[in-house]
Amino acid sequence: MLLHVAANSQWGSFHLFQIH
C-alpha cells in the first residue's frame, strides 16, 4: 500500500484519506 502511495504522489494524499 505504501508503495502504491509513493508511486502516486499526487494521488497519495487523496488515496491515503480514502483508504483510511
C-alpha atoms as a PDB file:
ATOM      1  CA  MET A   1       0.000   0.000   0.000  1.00  0.00           C
ATOM      2  CA  LEU A   2       2.793   2.397   0.895  1.00  0.00           C
ATOM      3  CA  LEU A   3       4.469   1.692  -2.423  1.00  0.00           C
ATOM      4  CA  HIS A   4       1.237   2.498  -4.235  1.00  0.00           C
ATOM      5  CA  VAL A   5       1.002   5.848  -2.479  1.00  0.00           C
ATOM      6  CA  ALA A   6       4.647   6.630  -3.208  1.00  0.00           C
ATOM      7  CA  ALA A   7       4.145   5.814  -6.886  1.00  0.00           C
ATOM      8  CA  ASN A   8       1.053   8.010  -6.976  1.00  0.00           C
ATOM      9  CA  SER A   9       2.493  11.012  -5.130  1.00  0.00           C
ATOM     10  CA  GLN A  10      -0.245  13.263  -6.477  1.00  0.00           C
ATOM     11  CA  TRP A  11      -2.946  10.682  -5.645  1.00  0.00           C
ATOM     12  CA  GLY A  12      -1.140   9.806  -2.397  1.00  0.00           C
ATOM     13  CA  SER A  13      -2.874  12.481  -0.344  1.00  0.00           C
ATOM     14  CA  PHE A  14      -6.335  11.634  -1.639  1.00  0.00           C
ATOM     15  CA  HIS A  15      -5.734   7.886  -1.672  1.00  0.00           C
ATOM     16  CA  LEU A  16      -4.444   7.849   1.878  1.00  0.00           C
ATOM     17  CA  PHE A  17      -7.530   9.713   3.027  1.00  0.00           C
ATOM     18  CA  GLN A  18      -9.851   7.362   1.139  1.00  0.00           C
ATOM     19  CA  ILE A  19      -8.058   4.198   2.327  1.00  0.00           C
ATOM     20  CA  HIS A  20      -8.064   5.330   5.935  1.00  0.00           C
END
